[in-house]
């Protein structure tokens, strides 16, 4: 049993690094691209912040206790880290339950709910998802319902002496209800979008307004599918451990010695890696992360070179003094020295509308003699 927890402790180390770096990148990308203005994006930003804090603050002590099978930081810190780990786990669960509520408000906003009311409800959802679990799981500090301490059987700080009514309460409020809200919420979103599309098709609206309304509903449906995929991924990681705890005697039988820690690890993996799923389904967020990489110092290879385009009209007056030493720009596009300019040609290296005149023909002949590569370079630049 000790070897199993030690192995899981070593597995947590790279998982913590990936979770902290990835969630931090998501936070920077959303703030940099100003994507955190809607209620849903506020909840997603809250989820990424939780993942970064969970990876950097809550998991390192857990990995240390799994590897060493002891706790050397004192009883007070053990109670604090147990409170932090449990609270943030259920905060993450509530965030996934609040996202379909925000999406339902967004769909109603398309038709009749005010934008100001939507923002206020979104801010309230963010506050409730964080404050409500924090208040509930502060009770074990006062020996109400449970107590916190170092559990040597599972080699980490966890609650102990849990009373049965408290177990039933937190399982219903923080596990069963969020799961019901997620399933019913996304089901209502799909149904309501379908109903609103049919109603919009039957109403006598102007063509432009009807198309705009249909596009908005289509966008809401795409966003709802993205968040549904992320919530489904987290629940797939979270529910196995929850179902396992409902099985009578699961803590004492022989199978629990190996399966129990693995299911806990699966839950932690779901919390710290949810950002990766959302990054895979959201093209805009991927572009935001890529733009961050392009702005990093020393990442010149990430930046697309700006190709200089040769002018199509007469050269400015100050360019008539170019010498033979200024032949090519750094991008490789020819910019000088300019060929002899005549008022009849109207362009440099390219014929104008009156280039059939003798002056235009003479200009083209001089261009080909002096600078034979100029016309081909310009043609390749402009796509001619």
Protein backbone atom coordinates (compact mmCIF):
# COMPACT_ATOMS: atom_id res chain seq x y z
CA UNK A 1 0.00 0.00 0.00
CA UNK A 2 2.84 2.40 0.83
CA UNK A 3 4.47 1.69 -2.54
CA UNK A 4 1.24 2.49 -4.36
CA UNK A 5 0.93 5.92 -2.75
CA UNK A 6 4.61 6.63 -3.36
CA UNK A 7 4.18 5.92 -7.07
CA UNK A 8 1.16 8.21 -7.22
CA UNK A 9 3.16 10.91 -5.44
CA UNK A 10 5.81 10.80 -8.16
CA UNK A 11 3.10 10.86 -10.86
CA UNK A 12 1.68 14.04 -9.33
CA UNK A 13 4.92 15.99 -9.91
CA UNK A 14 4.76 16.30 -13.74
CA UNK A 15 0.98 16.62 -13.51
CA UNK A 16 1.37 19.65 -11.23
CA UNK A 17 3.85 21.31 -13.61
CA UNK A 18 1.63 20.80 -16.65
CA UNK A 19 -1.45 21.96 -14.77
CA UNK A 20 0.17 25.14 -13.48
CA UNK A 21 1.79 26.14 -16.79
CA UNK A 22 -1.25 25.29 -18.89
CA UNK A 23 -3.81 27.03 -16.69
CA UNK A 24 -1.54 30.07 -16.37
CA UNK A 25 -1.34 30.29 -20.17
CA UNK A 26 -5.14 30.13 -20.38
CA UNK A 27 -5.45 32.98 -17.88
CA UNK A 28 -2.94 35.15 -19.74
CA UNK A 29 -4.56 34.42 -23.11
CA UNK A 30 -8.05 35.34 -21.90
CA UNK A 31 -6.89 38.52 -20.20
CA UNK A 32 -4.70 39.51 -23.14
CA UNK A 33 -7.49 39.05 -25.69
CA UNK A 34 -10.17 40.62 -23.42
CA UNK A 35 -12.26 37.44 -23.55
CA UNK A 36 -13.37 37.60 -19.88
CA UNK A 37 -16.27 40.03 -20.32
CA UNK A 38 -19.15 37.56 -20.62
CA UNK A 39 -20.52 35.51 -17.69
CA UNK A 40 -19.43 32.22 -19.26
CA UNK A 41 -15.90 33.45 -19.86
CA UNK A 42 -15.76 34.73 -16.28
CA UNK A 43 -16.63 31.24 -15.07
CA UNK A 44 -14.05 29.69 -17.39
CA UNK A 45 -11.45 32.17 -16.18
CA UNK A 46 -12.39 31.23 -12.62
CA UNK A 47 -11.90 27.56 -13.52
CA UNK A 48 -8.43 28.23 -14.95
CA UNK A 49 -7.44 30.24 -11.87
CA UNK A 50 -8.61 27.37 -9.68
CA UNK A 51 -6.58 24.89 -11.74
CA UNK A 52 -3.43 27.00 -11.43
CA UNK A 53 -3.85 27.46 -7.66
CA UNK A 54 -4.75 23.80 -7.18
CA UNK A 55 -1.63 22.69 -9.07
CA UNK A 56 0.76 25.08 -7.34
CA UNK A 57 -0.60 25.24 -3.80
CA UNK A 58 -2.81 22.26 -2.95
CA UNK A 59 -1.06 19.40 -4.74
CA UNK A 60 2.64 19.79 -3.72
CA UNK A 61 1.97 18.95 -0.03
CA UNK A 62 -0.14 15.99 -1.12
CA UNK A 63 2.64 14.67 -3.36
CA UNK A 64 5.16 15.14 -0.55
CA UNK A 65 3.02 13.24 1.97
CA UNK A 66 2.44 10.40 -0.51
CA UNK A 67 6.17 10.00 -1.12
CA UNK A 68 7.37 10.34 2.49
CA UNK A 69 4.26 8.91 4.24
CA UNK A 70 4.42 11.64 6.87
CA UNK A 71 3.53 15.29 7.51
CA UNK A 72 6.23 17.54 8.95
CA UNK A 73 4.56 20.96 8.58
CA UNK A 74 2.40 20.90 11.70
CA UNK A 75 -1.21 20.07 12.50
CA UNK A 76 -2.51 23.54 11.66
CA UNK A 77 -1.08 23.53 8.16
CA UNK A 78 -2.39 19.99 7.64
CA UNK A 79 -5.92 21.13 8.45
CA UNK A 80 -5.53 24.12 6.13
CA UNK A 81 -4.31 22.05 3.17
CA UNK A 82 -7.06 19.48 3.73
CA UNK A 83 -9.62 22.29 3.70
CA UNK A 84 -8.03 23.79 0.57
CA UNK A 85 -7.96 20.52 -1.38
CA UNK A 86 -11.53 19.51 -0.56
CA UNK A 87 -12.98 22.99 -1.08
CA UNK A 88 -11.32 23.57 -4.44
CA UNK A 89 -12.41 20.13 -5.68
CA UNK A 90 -16.06 20.96 -5.12
CA UNK A 91 -15.64 24.55 -6.34
CA UNK A 92 -14.53 23.08 -9.65
CA UNK A 93 -17.62 20.89 -9.70
CA UNK A 94 -19.92 23.87 -9.02
CA UNK A 95 -18.27 25.93 -11.78
CA UNK A 96 -19.19 23.25 -14.32
CA UNK A 97 -22.76 23.34 -13.01
CA UNK A 98 -22.90 27.15 -13.25
CA UNK A 99 -21.73 27.29 -16.87
CA UNK A 100 -24.99 25.89 -18.41
CA UNK A 101 -26.94 28.41 -16.31
CA UNK A 102 -24.85 31.21 -17.82
CA UNK A 103 -25.37 29.78 -21.30
CA UNK A 104 -29.15 29.71 -20.77
CA UNK A 105 -29.01 33.38 -19.80
CA UNK A 106 -26.95 34.12 -22.89
CA UNK A 107 -29.57 32.48 -25.11
CA UNK A 108 -32.32 34.48 -23.41
CA UNK A 109 -30.21 37.63 -23.91
CA UNK A 110 -30.38 37.04 -27.65
CA UNK A 111 -34.10 37.67 -27.45
CA UNK A 112 -35.26 39.46 -24.31
CA UNK A 113 -32.98 39.45 -21.21
CA UNK A 114 -31.00 42.64 -20.68
CA UNK A 115 -27.23 42.50 -20.98
CA UNK A 116 -26.78 44.22 -17.61
CA UNK A 117 -28.89 41.59 -15.84
CA UNK A 118 -26.92 38.82 -17.54
CA UNK A 119 -23.64 40.28 -16.28
CA UNK A 120 -24.94 40.64 -12.73
CA UNK A 121 -26.14 37.05 -12.64
CA UNK A 122 -22.79 35.91 -14.06
CA UNK A 123 -20.89 37.74 -11.31
CA UNK A 124 -23.22 36.23 -8.71
CA UNK A 125 -22.55 32.73 -10.09
CA UNK A 126 -18.79 33.23 -9.79
CA UNK A 127 -19.16 34.43 -6.19
CA UNK A 128 -21.48 31.58 -5.17
CA UNK A 129 -19.30 28.85 -6.68
CA UNK A 130 -16.37 30.01 -4.55
CA UNK A 131 -17.98 31.25 -1.32
CA UNK A 132 -20.57 28.54 -0.70
CA UNK A 133 -18.10 25.58 -0.58
CA UNK A 134 -15.65 27.69 1.44
CA UNK A 135 -18.31 28.37 4.09
CA UNK A 136 -19.52 24.76 4.22
CA UNK A 137 -16.07 23.20 4.53
CA UNK A 138 -15.01 25.70 7.19
CA UNK A 139 -17.33 23.84 9.61
CA UNK A 140 -14.87 20.95 10.24
CA UNK A 141 -12.44 23.48 11.72
CA UNK A 142 -14.96 23.79 14.56
CA UNK A 143 -15.60 20.03 14.79
CA UNK A 144 -18.98 20.39 13.10
CA UNK A 145 -19.83 17.41 10.93
CA UNK A 146 -16.20 16.31 10.59
CA UNK A 147 -12.63 17.26 11.48
CA UNK A 148 -9.42 17.69 9.52
CA UNK A 149 -6.18 15.82 10.14
CA UNK A 150 -3.48 13.60 8.68
CA UNK A 151 -4.87 10.24 7.64
CA UNK A 152 -2.03 7.70 7.70
CA UNK A 153 -4.10 5.12 5.86
CA UNK A 154 -4.28 7.25 2.70
CA UNK A 155 -1.03 9.18 3.41
CA UNK A 156 -2.44 12.69 3.08
CA UNK A 157 -4.28 15.42 4.96
CA UNK A 158 -8.00 14.70 4.76
CA UNK A 159 -11.06 14.93 6.93
CA UNK A 160 -11.64 12.32 9.59
CA UNK A 161 -14.40 11.43 12.05
CA UNK A 162 -16.98 12.39 9.45
CA UNK A 163 -20.58 12.25 10.68
CA UNK A 164 -23.19 10.61 8.49
CA UNK A 165 -25.58 13.63 8.12
CA UNK A 166 -22.67 15.79 6.96
CA UNK A 167 -21.67 13.15 4.39
CA UNK A 168 -25.20 12.99 3.00
CA UNK A 169 -25.43 16.78 2.87
CA UNK A 170 -22.22 17.46 0.95
CA UNK A 171 -22.77 14.53 -1.43
CA UNK A 172 -26.22 15.79 -2.39
CA UNK A 173 -25.30 19.48 -2.61
CA UNK A 174 -21.87 19.22 -4.23
CA UNK A 175 -22.16 16.02 -6.30
CA UNK A 176 -25.73 15.03 -7.12
CA UNK A 177 -27.20 18.50 -7.69
CA UNK A 178 -24.33 19.74 -9.93
CA UNK A 179 -24.61 16.60 -12.04
CA UNK A 180 -28.38 17.08 -12.43
CA UNK A 181 -27.90 20.76 -13.31
CA UNK A 182 -25.27 19.92 -15.94
CA UNK A 183 -27.39 17.27 -17.65
CA UNK A 184 -30.66 19.23 -17.52
CA UNK A 185 -28.97 22.55 -18.32
CA UNK A 186 -27.35 21.45 -21.54
CA UNK A 187 -30.47 19.51 -22.49
CA UNK A 188 -32.56 22.69 -22.07
CA UNK A 189 -30.04 24.67 -24.11
CA UNK A 190 -30.28 22.30 -27.07
CA UNK A 191 -34.08 22.19 -26.85
CA UNK A 192 -34.49 25.96 -26.48
CA UNK A 193 -32.20 26.76 -29.41
CA UNK A 194 -34.25 24.42 -31.57
CA UNK A 195 -37.54 26.00 -30.44
CA UNK A 196 -36.25 29.54 -31.00
CA UNK A 197 -35.02 28.64 -34.48
CA UNK A 198 -38.43 27.24 -35.44
CA UNK A 199 -40.17 30.30 -33.99
CA UNK A 200 -37.84 32.64 -35.86
CA UNK A 201 -38.53 30.81 -39.11
CA UNK A 202 -42.29 31.21 -38.67
CA UNK A 203 -42.25 34.88 -37.73
CA UNK A 204 -42.47 37.53 -40.43
CA UNK A 205 -39.19 39.33 -40.00
CA UNK A 206 -36.98 41.12 -42.42
CA UNK A 207 -34.49 38.86 -44.10
CA UNK A 208 -31.40 40.53 -42.60
CA UNK A 209 -32.80 40.45 -39.07
CA UNK A 210 -33.81 36.81 -39.40
CA UNK A 211 -30.35 35.83 -40.63
CA UNK A 212 -28.66 37.78 -37.85
CA UNK A 213 -30.86 36.13 -35.23
CA UNK A 214 -30.13 32.68 -36.68
CA UNK A 215 -26.39 33.35 -36.63
CA UNK A 216 -26.53 34.39 -32.98
CA UNK A 217 -28.40 31.22 -32.04
CA UNK A 218 -25.91 29.15 -34.00
CA UNK A 219 -23.01 30.78 -32.15
CA UNK A 220 -24.66 30.14 -28.79
CA UNK A 221 -25.12 26.50 -29.73
CA UNK A 222 -21.44 26.17 -30.65
CA UNK A 223 -20.33 27.72 -27.35
CA UNK A 224 -22.68 25.48 -25.41
CA UNK A 225 -21.26 22.39 -27.13
CA UNK A 226 -17.72 23.45 -26.25
CA UNK A 227 -18.47 23.88 -22.56
CA UNK A 228 -20.53 20.67 -22.54
CA UNK A 229 -17.50 18.73 -23.78
CA UNK A 230 -15.32 20.20 -21.01
CA UNK A 231 -17.94 19.46 -18.34
CA UNK A 232 -18.40 15.92 -19.65
CA UNK A 233 -14.65 15.37 -19.48
CA UNK A 234 -14.45 16.57 -15.88
CA UNK A 235 -17.42 14.47 -14.80
CA UNK A 236 -15.88 11.41 -16.45
CA UNK A 237 -12.83 11.95 -14.22
CA UNK A 238 -14.77 12.95 -11.10
CA UNK A 239 -17.67 10.50 -10.93
CA UNK A 240 -15.73 7.20 -10.69
CA UNK A 241 -14.20 8.20 -7.36
CA UNK A 242 -17.58 9.48 -6.18
CA UNK A 243 -19.33 6.24 -7.11
CA UNK A 244 -16.57 4.29 -5.40
CA UNK A 245 -17.15 6.10 -2.11
CA UNK A 246 -20.84 5.12 -2.22
CA UNK A 247 -19.97 1.41 -2.27
CA UNK A 248 -20.25 -0.07 1.27
CA UNK A 249 -16.96 -1.36 2.62
CA UNK A 250 -14.91 0.11 -0.22
CA UNK A 251 -12.37 1.51 2.23
CA UNK A 252 -11.57 -1.79 3.93
CA UNK A 253 -11.51 -4.41 1.19
CA UNK A 254 -8.35 -5.46 -0.63
CA UNK A 255 -9.33 -3.87 -3.92
CA UNK A 256 -9.49 -0.41 -2.34
CA UNK A 257 -5.78 -0.47 -1.61
CA UNK A 258 -4.99 -0.02 -5.30
CA UNK A 259 -8.17 1.26 -6.88
CA UNK A 260 -8.99 3.96 -4.33
CA UNK A 261 -5.76 5.97 -4.83
CA UNK A 262 -6.06 5.60 -8.60
CA UNK A 263 -9.56 7.08 -8.58
CA UNK A 264 -8.40 9.99 -6.43
CA UNK A 265 -5.59 10.60 -8.90
CA UNK A 266 -8.12 10.54 -11.76
CA UNK A 267 -10.13 13.28 -10.04
CA UNK A 268 -7.05 15.47 -9.58
CA UNK A 269 -6.07 14.85 -13.18
CA UNK A 270 -9.51 16.04 -14.34
CA UNK A 271 -9.21 19.26 -12.35
CA UNK A 272 -5.73 20.16 -13.54
CA UNK A 273 -6.18 19.16 -17.20
CA UNK A 274 -9.62 20.57 -18.03
CA UNK A 275 -7.88 23.53 -19.66
CA UNK A 276 -6.40 21.21 -22.29
CA UNK A 277 -9.83 19.99 -23.44
CA UNK A 278 -11.17 23.54 -23.72
CA UNK A 279 -8.06 24.56 -25.63
CA UNK A 280 -8.63 21.75 -28.13
CA UNK A 281 -12.26 22.72 -28.83
CA UNK A 282 -11.78 26.52 -28.89
CA UNK A 283 -10.00 27.93 -31.94
CA UNK A 284 -10.04 31.52 -30.64
CA UNK A 285 -8.30 30.55 -27.42
CA UNK A 286 -5.65 28.62 -29.33
CA UNK A 287 -4.96 31.72 -31.41
CA UNK A 288 -4.69 33.77 -28.21
CA UNK A 289 -2.13 31.37 -26.76
CA UNK A 290 -0.19 31.40 -30.04
CA UNK A 291 -0.15 35.19 -30.02
CA UNK A 292 1.35 35.08 -26.52
CA UNK A 293 4.15 32.85 -27.77
CA UNK A 294 4.81 35.22 -30.64
CA UNK A 295 5.28 38.11 -28.22
CA UNK A 296 7.75 36.25 -26.03
CA UNK A 297 11.36 37.49 -26.27
CA UNK A 298 13.56 35.33 -28.43
CA UNK A 299 10.64 33.92 -30.43
CA UNK A 300 11.43 35.60 -33.72
CA UNK A 301 10.85 32.37 -35.61
CA UNK A 302 7.20 32.52 -34.47
CA UNK A 303 6.61 35.90 -36.01
CA UNK A 304 5.60 36.07 -39.64
CA UNK A 305 7.99 38.25 -41.64
CA UNK A 306 6.47 41.42 -43.06
CA UNK A 307 7.09 41.39 -46.79
CA UNK A 308 7.79 44.76 -48.30
CA UNK A 309 5.67 45.52 -51.35
CA UNK A 310 7.16 47.64 -54.06
CA UNK A 311 5.11 50.74 -54.94
CA UNK A 312 2.90 50.62 -58.01
CA UNK A 313 2.87 54.37 -58.64
CA UNK A 314 5.58 56.90 -59.32
CA UNK A 315 8.37 56.87 -56.71
CA UNK A 316 8.38 59.63 -54.11
CA UNK A 317 10.78 62.49 -54.59
CA UNK A 318 13.15 61.35 -51.86
CA UNK A 319 13.64 57.94 -53.49
CA UNK A 320 15.17 59.44 -56.62
CA UNK A 321 18.51 59.72 -54.84
CA UNK A 322 18.97 55.95 -54.32
CA UNK A 323 22.41 54.63 -55.20
CA UNK A 324 23.52 51.30 -56.54
CA UNK A 325 24.33 50.14 -53.00
CA UNK A 326 20.64 50.11 -52.03
CA UNK A 327 19.47 47.29 -54.23
CA UNK A 328 17.49 44.88 -52.03
CA UNK A 329 15.36 45.21 -48.92
CA UNK A 330 15.99 42.82 -46.00
CA UNK A 331 13.01 40.74 -47.10
CA UNK A 332 14.53 40.18 -50.54
CA UNK A 333 12.14 42.40 -52.48
CA UNK A 334 13.85 44.75 -54.91
CA UNK A 335 13.35 48.42 -54.02
CA UNK A 336 16.05 50.33 -55.88
CA UNK A 337 17.74 51.99 -57.58
CA UNK A 338 14.71 53.32 -59.43
CA UNK A 339 14.69 53.17 -63.20
CA UNK A 340 14.52 56.40 -65.16
CA UNK A 341 11.11 57.89 -64.63
CA UNK A 342 9.07 59.51 -67.33
CA UNK A 343 5.74 61.20 -66.87
CA UNK A 344 4.23 59.25 -69.75
CA UNK A 345 4.62 55.83 -68.19
CA UNK A 346 2.66 56.50 -65.00
CA UNK A 347 4.32 53.62 -63.06
CA UNK A 348 7.58 52.03 -62.18
CA UNK A 349 8.15 48.69 -63.87
CA UNK A 350 4.43 48.29 -64.71
CA UNK A 351 2.55 49.78 -67.63
CA UNK A 352 -0.23 52.31 -67.14
CA UNK A 353 -3.33 52.71 -69.21
CA UNK A 354 -1.52 54.90 -71.75
CA UNK A 355 1.64 52.81 -71.95
CA UNK A 356 1.01 52.19 -75.65
CA UNK A 357 2.63 55.52 -76.30
CA UNK A 358 6.24 55.78 -77.40
CA UNK A 359 7.29 57.10 -74.00
CA UNK A 360 5.81 54.06 -72.25
CA UNK A 361 7.43 51.62 -74.65
CA UNK A 362 10.79 53.33 -74.23
CA UNK A 363 10.37 53.18 -70.46
CA UNK A 364 9.70 49.42 -70.53
CA UNK A 365 12.73 48.81 -72.72
CA UNK A 366 14.96 50.73 -70.33
CA UNK A 367 13.52 48.80 -67.36
CA UNK A 368 14.35 45.46 -68.93
CA UNK A 369 17.87 46.51 -69.79
CA UNK A 370 18.77 48.12 -66.48
CA UNK A 371 16.83 45.88 -64.06
CA UNK A 372 15.67 42.64 -65.71
CA UNK A 373 14.51 41.05 -62.38
CA UNK A 374 12.27 43.90 -61.27
CA UNK A 375 9.15 43.03 -63.25
CA UNK A 376 9.30 39.34 -62.27
CA UNK A 377 9.72 40.21 -58.56
CA UNK A 378 6.77 42.58 -58.62
CA UNK A 379 4.65 40.03 -60.43
CA UNK A 380 5.40 37.39 -57.80
CA UNK A 381 4.61 39.83 -54.96
CA UNK A 382 1.30 41.08 -56.31
CA UNK A 383 0.11 37.80 -57.80
CA UNK A 384 0.09 38.89 -61.42
